[in-house]
Amino acid sequence: MSSNVAQNYPYASESEAERAAAVEGALGVFEGLRARVEAEARALGQPAEDELWWTWVCPTDDLGGRLHVAGHAGERHAIYAVCDRCGRSFLR
């Protein structure tokens, strides 16, 4: 079994407000991330305020970064997530 198997399982959950704040924070900090998300992902639509979202541990960040849902992947059937610590994006 490979060492990255655990990265496929969610780490925790967060509210819609927490998710939106984390994503907006990452988009504001990392140069070019907003443009990349807009080019590679589709918007989530209108999530309910009481909706819960999964978070994952960033597989490339040793600083404890978390992946937050930023949209739906534009060309694949996947969730598009961004790391709040390194600014990388991942498909989940």
PDB file of N, CA and C in Angstrom:
ATOM      1  N   MET A   1       0.837  -1.165   0.000  1.00  0.00           N
ATOM      2  CA  MET A   1       0.000   0.000   0.000  1.00  0.00           C
ATOM      3  C   MET A   1       0.891   1.240   0.000  1.00  0.00           C
ATOM      4  N   SER A   2       0.592   2.187  -0.859  1.00  0.00           N
ATOM      5  CA  SER A   2       1.431   3.377  -0.955  1.00  0.00           C
ATOM      6  C   SER A   2       1.182   4.317   0.225  1.00  0.00           C
ATOM      7  N   SER A   3       2.141   5.198   0.472  1.00  0.00           N
ATOM      8  CA  SER A   3       2.051   6.092   1.617  1.00  0.00           C
ATOM      9  C   SER A   3       1.045   7.212   1.415  1.00  0.00           C
ATOM     10  N   ASN A   4       0.602   7.443   0.188  1.00  0.00           N
ATOM     11  CA  ASN A   4      -0.339   8.538  -0.031  1.00  0.00           C
ATOM     12  C   ASN A   4      -1.798   8.090   0.028  1.00  0.00           C
ATOM     13  N   VAL A   5      -2.050   6.847   0.391  1.00  0.00           N
ATOM     14  CA  VAL A   5      -3.424   6.363   0.478  1.00  0.00           C
ATOM     15  C   VAL A   5      -4.216   7.181   1.493  1.00  0.00           C
ATOM     16  N   ALA A   6      -3.616   7.505   2.619  1.00  0.00           N
ATOM     17  CA  ALA A   6      -4.320   8.262   3.642  1.00  0.00           C
ATOM     18  C   ALA A   6      -4.738   9.640   3.155  1.00  0.00           C
ATOM     19  N   GLN A   7      -4.037  10.186   2.174  1.00  0.00           N
ATOM     20  CA  GLN A   7      -4.368  11.509   1.663  1.00  0.00           C
ATOM     21  C   GLN A   7      -5.684  11.509   0.897  1.00  0.00           C
ATOM     22  N   ASN A   8      -6.185  10.346   0.520  1.00  0.00           N
ATOM     23  CA  ASN A   8      -7.434  10.276  -0.212  1.00  0.00           C
ATOM     24  C   ASN A   8      -8.642  10.368   0.705  1.00  0.00           C
ATOM     25  N   TYR A   9      -8.434  10.226   2.001  1.00  0.00           N
ATOM     26  CA  TYR A   9      -9.526  10.286   2.944  1.00  0.00           C
ATOM     27  C   TYR A   9      -9.610  11.690   3.539  1.00  0.00           C
ATOM     28  N   PRO A  10     -10.830  12.189   3.756  1.00  0.00           N
ATOM     29  CA  PRO A  10     -10.966  13.533   4.332  1.00  0.00           C
ATOM     30  C   PRO A  10     -10.324  13.625   5.706  1.00  0.00           C
ATOM     31  N   TYR A  11      -9.844  14.812   6.019  1.00  0.00           N
ATOM     32  CA  TYR A  11      -9.220  15.081   7.315  1.00  0.00           C
ATOM     33  C   TYR A  11     -10.276  15.553   8.317  1.00  0.00           C
ATOM     34  N   ALA A  12     -11.119  16.465   7.891  1.00  0.00           N
ATOM     35  CA  ALA A  12     -12.142  17.049   8.757  1.00  0.00           C
ATOM     36  C   ALA A  12     -13.223  17.658   7.880  1.00  0.00           C
ATOM     37  N   SER A  13     -14.170  18.301   8.492  1.00  0.00           N
ATOM     38  CA  SER A  13     -15.181  19.024   7.731  1.00  0.00           C
ATOM     39  C   SER A  13     -15.219  20.470   8.203  1.00  0.00           C
ATOM     40  N   GLU A  14     -15.790  21.330   7.361  1.00  0.00           N
ATOM     41  CA  GLU A  14     -15.913  22.740   7.694  1.00  0.00           C
ATOM     42  C   GLU A  14     -17.234  23.264   7.148  1.00  0.00           C
ATOM     43  N   SER A  15     -17.723  24.326   7.744  1.00  0.00           N
ATOM     44  CA  SER A  15     -18.979  24.923   7.301  1.00  0.00           C
ATOM     45  C   SER A  15     -18.762  25.667   5.988  1.00  0.00           C
ATOM     46  N   GLU A  16     -19.858  26.050   5.363  1.00  0.00           N
ATOM     47  CA  GLU A  16     -19.767  26.831   4.122  1.00  0.00           C
ATOM     48  C   GLU A  16     -19.039  28.145   4.360  1.00  0.00           C
ATOM     49  N   ALA A  17     -19.310  28.799   5.477  1.00  0.00           N
ATOM     50  CA  ALA A  17     -18.647  30.068   5.782  1.00  0.00           C
ATOM     51  C   ALA A  17     -17.141  29.874   5.978  1.00  0.00           C
ATOM     52  N   GLU A  18     -16.751  28.821   6.674  1.00  0.00           N
ATOM     53  CA  GLU A  18     -15.324  28.536   6.885  1.00  0.00           C
ATOM     54  C   GLU A  18     -14.640  28.207   5.564  1.00  0.00           C
ATOM     55  N   ARG A  19     -15.310  27.407   4.722  1.00  0.00           N
ATOM     56  CA  ARG A  19     -14.749  27.048   3.423  1.00  0.00           C
ATOM     57  C   ARG A  19     -14.546  28.282   2.562  1.00  0.00           C
ATOM     58  N   ALA A  20     -15.583  29.107   2.458  1.00  0.00           N
ATOM     59  CA  ALA A  20     -15.499  30.308   1.625  1.00  0.00           C
ATOM     60  C   ALA A  20     -14.400  31.246   2.106  1.00  0.00           C
ATOM     61  N   ALA A  21     -14.274  31.412   3.422  1.00  0.00           N
ATOM     62  CA  ALA A  21     -13.234  32.285   3.976  1.00  0.00           C
ATOM     63  C   ALA A  21     -11.838  31.735   3.707  1.00  0.00           C
ATOM     64  N   ALA A  22     -11.659  30.429   3.858  1.00  0.00           N
ATOM     65  CA  ALA A  22     -10.347  29.821   3.620  1.00  0.00           C
ATOM     66  C   ALA A  22      -9.942  29.931   2.159  1.00  0.00           C
ATOM     67  N   VAL A  23     -10.880  29.676   1.257  1.00  0.00           N
ATOM     68  CA  VAL A  23     -10.576  29.758  -0.174  1.00  0.00           C
ATOM     69  C   VAL A  23     -10.266  31.204  -0.560  1.00  0.00           C
ATOM     70  N   GLU A  24     -11.086  32.140  -0.119  1.00  0.00           N
ATOM     71  CA  GLU A  24     -10.851  33.549  -0.441  1.00  0.00           C
ATOM     72  C   GLU A  24      -9.517  34.025   0.123  1.00  0.00           C
ATOM     73  N   GLY A  25      -9.171  33.556   1.322  1.00  0.00           N
ATOM     74  CA  GLY A  25      -7.881  33.901   1.905  1.00  0.00           C
ATOM     75  C   GLY A  25      -6.717  33.397   1.059  1.00  0.00           C
ATOM     76  N   ALA A  26      -6.817  32.152   0.598  1.00  0.00           N
ATOM     77  CA  ALA A  26      -5.754  31.592  -0.245  1.00  0.00           C
ATOM     78  C   ALA A  26      -5.680  32.314  -1.580  1.00  0.00           C
ATOM     79  N   LEU A  27      -6.839  32.644  -2.169  1.00  0.00           N
ATOM     80  CA  LEU A  27      -6.852  33.338  -3.457  1.00  0.00           C
ATOM     81  C   LEU A  27      -6.229  34.724  -3.345  1.00  0.00           C
ATOM     82  N   GLY A  28      -6.375  35.356  -2.189  1.00  0.00           N
ATOM     83  CA  GLY A  28      -5.814  36.678  -1.984  1.00  0.00           C
ATOM     84  C   GLY A  28      -4.331  36.685  -1.678  1.00  0.00           C
ATOM     85  N   VAL A  29      -3.811  35.569  -1.193  1.00  0.00           N
ATOM     86  CA  VAL A  29      -2.406  35.502  -0.777  1.00  0.00           C
ATOM     87  C   VAL A  29      -1.474  35.051  -1.901  1.00  0.00           C
ATOM     88  N   PHE A  30      -1.890  34.059  -2.669  1.00  0.00           N
ATOM     89  CA  PHE A  30      -0.997  33.451  -3.653  1.00  0.00           C
ATOM     90  C   PHE A  30      -1.234  34.038  -5.040  1.00  0.00           C
ATOM     91  N   GLU A  31      -0.197  34.645  -5.573  1.00  0.00           N
ATOM     92  CA  GLU A  31      -0.272  35.298  -6.874  1.00  0.00           C
ATOM     93  C   GLU A  31      -0.601  34.289  -7.974  1.00  0.00           C
ATOM     94  N   GLY A  32      -1.581  34.590  -8.776  1.00  0.00           N
ATOM     95  CA  GLY A  32      -1.962  33.756  -9.903  1.00  0.00           C
ATOM     96  C   GLY A  32      -2.942  32.646  -9.567  1.00  0.00           C
ATOM     97  N   LEU A  33      -3.190  32.409  -8.271  1.00  0.00           N
ATOM     98  CA  LEU A  33      -4.088  31.315  -7.895  1.00  0.00           C
ATOM     99  C   LEU A  33      -5.526  31.596  -8.316  1.00  0.00           C
ATOM    100  N   ARG A  34      -5.987  32.821  -8.149  1.00  0.00           N
ATOM    101  CA  ARG A  34      -7.347  33.165  -8.542  1.00  0.00           C
ATOM    102  C   ARG A  34      -7.564  32.918 -10.037  1.00  0.00           C
ATOM    103  N   ALA A  35      -6.622  33.343 -10.861  1.00  0.00           N
ATOM    104  CA  ALA A  35      -6.734  33.148 -12.312  1.00  0.00           C
ATOM    105  C   ALA A  35      -6.713  31.667 -12.669  1.00  0.00           C
ATOM    106  N   ARG A  36      -5.890  30.891 -11.972  1.00  0.00           N
ATOM    107  CA  ARG A  36      -5.811  29.448 -12.231  1.00  0.00           C
ATOM    108  C   ARG A  36      -7.133  28.765 -11.865  1.00  0.00           C
ATOM    109  N   VAL A  37      -7.706  29.113 -10.719  1.00  0.00           N
ATOM    110  CA  VAL A  37      -8.976  28.521 -10.311  1.00  0.00           C
ATOM    111  C   VAL A  37     -10.074  28.896 -11.302  1.00  0.00           C
ATOM    112  N   GLU A  38     -10.115  30.149 -11.713  1.00  0.00           N
ATOM    113  CA  GLU A  38     -11.129  30.588 -12.674  1.00  0.00           C
ATOM    114  C   GLU A  38     -10.987  29.880 -14.014  1.00  0.00           C
ATOM    115  N   ALA A  39      -9.755  29.565 -14.418  1.00  0.00           N
ATOM    116  CA  ALA A  39      -9.522  28.900 -15.705  1.00  0.00           C
ATOM    117  C   ALA A  39      -9.772  27.395 -15.643  1.00  0.00           C
ATOM    118  N   GLU A  40      -9.525  26.766 -14.493  1.00  0.00           N
ATOM    119  CA  GLU A  40      -9.564  25.307 -14.408  1.00  0.00           C
ATOM    120  C   GLU A  40     -10.775  24.743 -13.676  1.00  0.00           C
ATOM    121  N   ALA A  41     -11.575  25.586 -13.029  1.00  0.00           N
ATOM    122  CA  ALA A  41     -12.686  25.077 -12.225  1.00  0.00           C
ATOM    123  C   ALA A  41     -13.981  25.822 -12.531  1.00  0.00           C
ATOM    124  N   ARG A  42     -15.084  25.151 -12.250  1.00  0.00           N
ATOM    125  CA  ARG A  42     -16.406  25.760 -12.349  1.00  0.00           C
ATOM    126  C   ARG A  42     -16.880  26.106 -10.944  1.00  0.00           C
ATOM    127  N   ALA A  43     -17.683  27.128 -10.839  1.00  0.00           N
ATOM    128  CA  ALA A  43     -18.195  27.579  -9.547  1.00  0.00           C
ATOM    129  C   ALA A  43     -19.075  26.510  -8.898  1.00  0.00           C
ATOM    130  N   LEU A  44     -19.214  26.596  -7.606  1.00  0.00           N
ATOM    131  CA  LEU A  44     -20.010  25.637  -6.853  1.00  0.00           C
ATOM    132  C   LEU A  44     -21.510  25.927  -6.917  1.00  0.00           C
ATOM    133  N   GLY A  45     -21.893  27.051  -7.450  1.00  0.00           N
ATOM    134  CA  GLY A  45     -23.299  27.423  -7.472  1.00  0.00           C
ATOM    135  C   GLY A  45     -23.655  28.151  -6.190  1.00  0.00           C
ATOM    136  N   GLN A  46     -24.797  27.839  -5.611  1.00  0.00           N
ATOM    137  CA  GLN A  46     -25.249  28.471  -4.374  1.00  0.00           C
ATOM    138  C   GLN A  46     -25.332  27.426  -3.262  1.00  0.00           C
ATOM    139  N   PRO A  47     -24.228  27.126  -2.592  1.00  0.00           N
ATOM    140  CA  PRO A  47     -24.284  26.149  -1.494  1.00  0.00           C
ATOM    141  C   PRO A  47     -25.151  26.669  -0.350  1.00  0.00           C
ATOM    142  N   ALA A  48     -25.820  25.770   0.326  1.00  0.00           N
ATOM    143  CA  ALA A  48     -26.617  26.131   1.501  1.00  0.00           C
ATOM    144  C   ALA A  48     -25.698  26.574   2.633  1.00  0.00           C
ATOM    145  N   GLU A  49     -26.168  27.511   3.442  1.00  0.00           N
ATOM    146  CA  GLU A  49     -25.363  28.013   4.552  1.00  0.00           C
ATOM    147  C   GLU A  49     -25.002  26.928   5.562  1.00  0.00           C
ATOM    148  N   ASP A  50     -25.856  25.911   5.699  1.00  0.00           N
ATOM    149  CA  ASP A  50     -25.579  24.846   6.666  1.00  0.00           C
ATOM    150  C   ASP A  50     -24.852  23.649   6.046  1.00  0.00           C
ATOM    151  N   GLU A  51     -24.410  23.797   4.799  1.00  0.00           N
ATOM    152  CA  GLU A  51     -23.695  22.713   4.118  1.00  0.00           C
ATOM    153  C   GLU A  51     -22.314  22.522   4.735  1.00  0.00           C
ATOM    154  N   LEU A  52     -21.903  21.265   4.827  1.00  0.00           N
ATOM    155  CA  LEU A  52     -20.560  20.933   5.324  1.00  0.00           C
ATOM    156  C   LEU A  52     -19.705  20.451   4.166  1.00  0.00           C
ATOM    157  N   TRP A  53     -18.424  20.808   4.211  1.00  0.00           N
ATOM    158  CA  TRP A  53     -17.466  20.448   3.163  1.00  0.00           C
ATOM    159  C   TRP A  53     -16.304  19.709   3.789  1.00  0.00           C
ATOM    160  N   TRP A  54     -15.752  18.742   3.055  1.00  0.00           N
ATOM    161  CA  TRP A  54     -14.573  18.025   3.531  1.00  0.00           C
ATOM    162  C   TRP A  54     -13.333  18.879   3.325  1.00  0.00           C
ATOM    163  N   THR A  55     -12.348  18.675   4.192  1.00  0.00           N
ATOM    164  CA  THR A  55     -11.007  19.215   4.007  1.00  0.00           C
ATOM    165  C   THR A  55     -10.039  18.037   4.018  1.00  0.00           C
ATOM    166  N   TRP A  56      -8.893  18.220   3.372  1.00  0.00           N
ATOM    167  CA  TRP A  56      -7.862  17.181   3.322  1.00  0.00           C
ATOM    168  C   TRP A  56      -6.533  17.780   3.741  1.00  0.00           C
ATOM    169  N   VAL A  57      -5.613  16.930   4.165  1.00  0.00           N
ATOM    170  CA  VAL A  57      -4.245  17.347   4.463  1.00  0.00           C
ATOM    171  C   VAL A  57      -3.524  17.507   3.131  1.00  0.00           C
ATOM    172  N   CYS A  58      -2.811  18.611   2.971  1.00  0.00           N
ATOM    173  CA  CYS A  58      -2.064  18.848   1.725  1.00  0.00           C
ATOM    174  C   CYS A  58      -0.938  17.818   1.618  1.00  0.00           C
ATOM    175  N   PRO A  59      -0.869  17.075   0.503  1.00  0.00           N
ATOM    176  CA  PRO A  59       0.149  16.042   0.365  1.00  0.00           C
ATOM    177  C   PRO A  59       1.561  16.576   0.112  1.00  0.00           C
ATOM    178  N   THR A  60       1.709  17.850  -0.198  1.00  0.00           N
ATOM    179  CA  THR A  60       3.031  18.384  -0.509  1.00  0.00           C
ATOM    180  C   THR A  60       3.522  19.412   0.493  1.00  0.00           C
ATOM    181  N   ASP A  61       2.719  19.716   1.488  1.00  0.00           N
ATOM    182  CA  ASP A  61       3.055  20.780   2.421  1.00  0.00           C
ATOM    183  C   ASP A  61       3.319  20.207   3.810  1.00  0.00           C
ATOM    184  N   ASP A  62       4.545  20.342   4.298  1.00  0.00           N
ATOM    185  CA  ASP A  62       4.906  19.845   5.622  1.00  0.00           C
ATOM    186  C   ASP A  62       4.508  20.820   6.735  1.00  0.00           C
ATOM    187  N   LEU A  63       3.929  21.944   6.372  1.00  0.00           N
ATOM    188  CA  LEU A  63       3.567  22.962   7.356  1.00  0.00           C
ATOM    189  C   LEU A  63       2.148  22.804   7.881  1.00  0.00           C
ATOM    190  N   GLY A  64       1.462  21.764   7.478  1.00  0.00           N
ATOM    191  CA  GLY A  64       0.112  21.539   7.975  1.00  0.00           C
ATOM    192  C   GLY A  64      -0.968  22.193   7.143  1.00  0.00           C
ATOM    193  N   GLY A  65      -0.719  22.386   5.863  1.00  0.00           N
ATOM    194  CA  GLY A  65      -1.721  22.984   4.987  1.00  0.00           C
ATOM    195  C   GLY A  65      -2.937  22.090   4.824  1.00  0.00           C
ATOM    196  N   ARG A  66      -4.071  22.703   4.585  1.00  0.00           N
ATOM    197  CA  ARG A  66      -5.321  21.984   4.362  1.00  0.00           C
ATOM    198  C   ARG A  66      -5.874  22.332   2.988  1.00  0.00           C
ATOM    199  N   LEU A  67      -6.455  21.338   2.346  1.00  0.00           N
ATOM    200  CA  LEU A  67      -7.089  21.543   1.054  1.00  0.00           C
ATOM    201  C   LEU A  67      -8.551  21.886   1.273  1.00  0.00           C
ATOM    202  N   HIS A  68      -9.010  22.960   0.641  1.00  0.00           N
ATOM    203  CA  HIS A  68     -10.384  23.428   0.750  1.00  0.00           C
ATOM    204  C   HIS A  68     -11.019  23.412  -0.631  1.00  0.00           C
ATOM    205  N   VAL A  69     -12.280  23.033  -0.707  1.00  0.00           N
ATOM    206  CA  VAL A  69     -12.998  22.947  -1.976  1.00  0.00           C
ATOM    207  C   VAL A  69     -13.170  24.345  -2.556  1.00  0.00           C
ATOM    208  N   ALA A  70     -12.683  24.530  -3.793  1.00  0.00           N
ATOM    209  CA  ALA A  70     -12.785  25.827  -4.472  1.00  0.00           C
ATOM    210  C   ALA A  70     -13.730  25.776  -5.661  1.00  0.00           C
ATOM    211  N   GLY A  71     -14.159  24.580  -6.063  1.00  0.00           N
ATOM    212  CA  GLY A  71     -15.064  24.454  -7.197  1.00  0.00           C
ATOM    213  C   GLY A  71     -15.090  23.032  -7.712  1.00  0.00           C
ATOM    214  N   HIS A  72     -15.702  22.881  -8.867  1.00  0.00           N
ATOM    215  CA  HIS A  72     -15.727  21.590  -9.560  1.00  0.00           C
ATOM    216  C   HIS A  72     -14.708  21.660 -10.691  1.00  0.00           C
ATOM    217  N   ALA A  73     -13.971  20.590 -10.890  1.00  0.00           N
ATOM    218  CA  ALA A  73     -12.974  20.563 -11.966  1.00  0.00           C
ATOM    219  C   ALA A  73     -13.663  20.788 -13.300  1.00  0.00           C
ATOM    220  N   GLY A  74     -13.062  21.624 -14.133  1.00  0.00           N
ATOM    221  CA  GLY A  74     -13.678  21.977 -15.405  1.00  0.00           C
ATOM    222  C   GLY A  74     -13.710  20.849 -16.415  1.00  0.00           C
ATOM    223  N   GLU A  75     -12.680  20.025 -16.457  1.00  0.00           N
ATOM    224  CA  GLU A  75     -12.582  18.999 -17.493  1.00  0.00           C
ATOM    225  C   GLU A  75     -12.666  17.576 -16.952  1.00  0.00           C
ATOM    226  N   ARG A  76     -12.825  17.415 -15.659  1.00  0.00           N
ATOM    227  CA  ARG A  76     -12.887  16.077 -15.067  1.00  0.00           C
ATOM    228  C   ARG A  76     -13.999  16.019 -14.042  1.00  0.00           C
ATOM    229  N   HIS A  77     -14.390  14.824 -13.694  1.00  0.00           N
ATOM    230  CA  HIS A  77     -15.398  14.635 -12.659  1.00  0.00           C
ATOM    231  C   HIS A  77     -14.683  14.586 -11.315  1.00  0.00           C
ATOM    232  N   ALA A  78     -14.451  15.763 -10.739  1.00  0.00           N
ATOM    233  CA  ALA A  78     -13.692  15.836  -9.489  1.00  0.00           C
ATOM    234  C   ALA A  78     -13.964  17.162  -8.793  1.00  0.00           C
ATOM    235  N   ILE A  79     -13.590  17.212  -7.541  1.00  0.00           N
ATOM    236  CA  ILE A  79     -13.616  18.450  -6.759  1.00  0.00           C
ATOM    237  C   ILE A  79     -12.274  19.144  -6.977  1.00  0.00           C
ATOM    238  N   TYR A  80     -12.303  20.441  -7.152  1.00  0.00           N
ATOM    239  CA  TYR A  80     -11.094  21.243  -7.310  1.00  0.00           C
ATOM    240  C   TYR A  80     -10.805  21.875  -5.951  1.00  0.00           C
ATOM    241  N   ALA A  81      -9.660  21.557  -5.368  1.00  0.00           N
ATOM    242  CA  ALA A  81      -9.314  22.037  -4.031  1.00  0.00           C
ATOM    243  C   ALA A  81      -8.007  22.817  -4.064  1.00  0.00           C
ATOM    244  N   VAL A  82      -7.885  23.797  -3.178  1.00  0.00           N
ATOM    245  CA  VAL A  82      -6.662  24.593  -3.069  1.00  0.00           C
ATOM    246  C   VAL A  82      -6.113  24.488  -1.649  1.00  0.00           C
ATOM    247  N   CYS A  83      -4.794  24.551  -1.536  1.00  0.00           N
ATOM    248  CA  CYS A  83      -4.128  24.497  -0.240  1.00  0.00           C
ATOM    249  C   CYS A  83      -4.010  25.910   0.325  1.00  0.00           C
ATOM    250  N   ASP A  84      -4.342  26.052   1.599  1.00  0.00           N
ATOM    251  CA  ASP A  84      -4.283  27.365   2.235  1.00  0.00           C
ATOM    252  C   ASP A  84      -2.877  27.762   2.670  1.00  0.00           C
ATOM    253  N   ARG A  85      -1.900  26.848   2.558  1.00  0.00           N
ATOM    254  CA  ARG A  85      -0.535  27.156   2.997  1.00  0.00           C
ATOM    255  C   ARG A  85       0.481  27.245   1.859  1.00  0.00           C
ATOM    256  N   CYS A  86       0.296  26.449   0.806  1.00  0.00           N
ATOM    257  CA  CYS A  86       1.280  26.469  -0.287  1.00  0.00           C
ATOM    258  C   CYS A  86       0.699  27.029  -1.585  1.00  0.00           C
ATOM    259  N   GLY A  87      -0.625  27.120  -1.691  1.00  0.00           N
ATOM    260  CA  GLY A  87      -1.247  27.686  -2.877  1.00  0.00           C
ATOM    261  C   GLY A  87      -1.372  26.752  -4.051  1.00  0.00           C
ATOM    262  N   ARG A  88      -1.064  25.491  -3.870  1.00  0.00           N
ATOM    263  CA  ARG A  88      -1.219  24.537  -4.961  1.00  0.00           C
ATOM    264  C   ARG A  88      -2.674  24.104  -5.081  1.00  0.00           C
ATOM    265  N   SER A  89      -3.014  23.581  -6.244  1.00  0.00           N
ATOM    266  CA  SER A  89      -4.375  23.088  -6.445  1.00  0.00           C
ATOM    267  C   SER A  89      -4.336  21.587  -6.728  1.00  0.00           C
ATOM    268  N   PHE A  90      -5.417  20.915  -6.363  1.00  0.00           N
ATOM    269  CA  PHE A  90      -5.499  19.460  -6.490  1.00  0.00           C
ATOM    270  C   PHE A  90      -6.901  19.068  -6.899  1.00  0.00           C
ATOM    271  N   LEU A  91      -7.021  17.926  -7.559  1.00  0.00           N
ATOM    272  CA  LEU A  91      -8.307  17.318  -7.844  1.00  0.00           C
ATOM    273  C   LEU A  91      -8.542  16.247  -6.804  1.00  0.00           C
ATOM    274  N   ARG A  92      -9.723  16.206  -6.226  1.00  0.00           N
ATOM    275  CA  ARG A  92     -10.042  15.226  -5.198  1.00  0.00           C
ATOM    276  C   ARG A  92     -11.199  14.392  -5.664  1.00  0.00           C
TER     277      ARG A  92
END
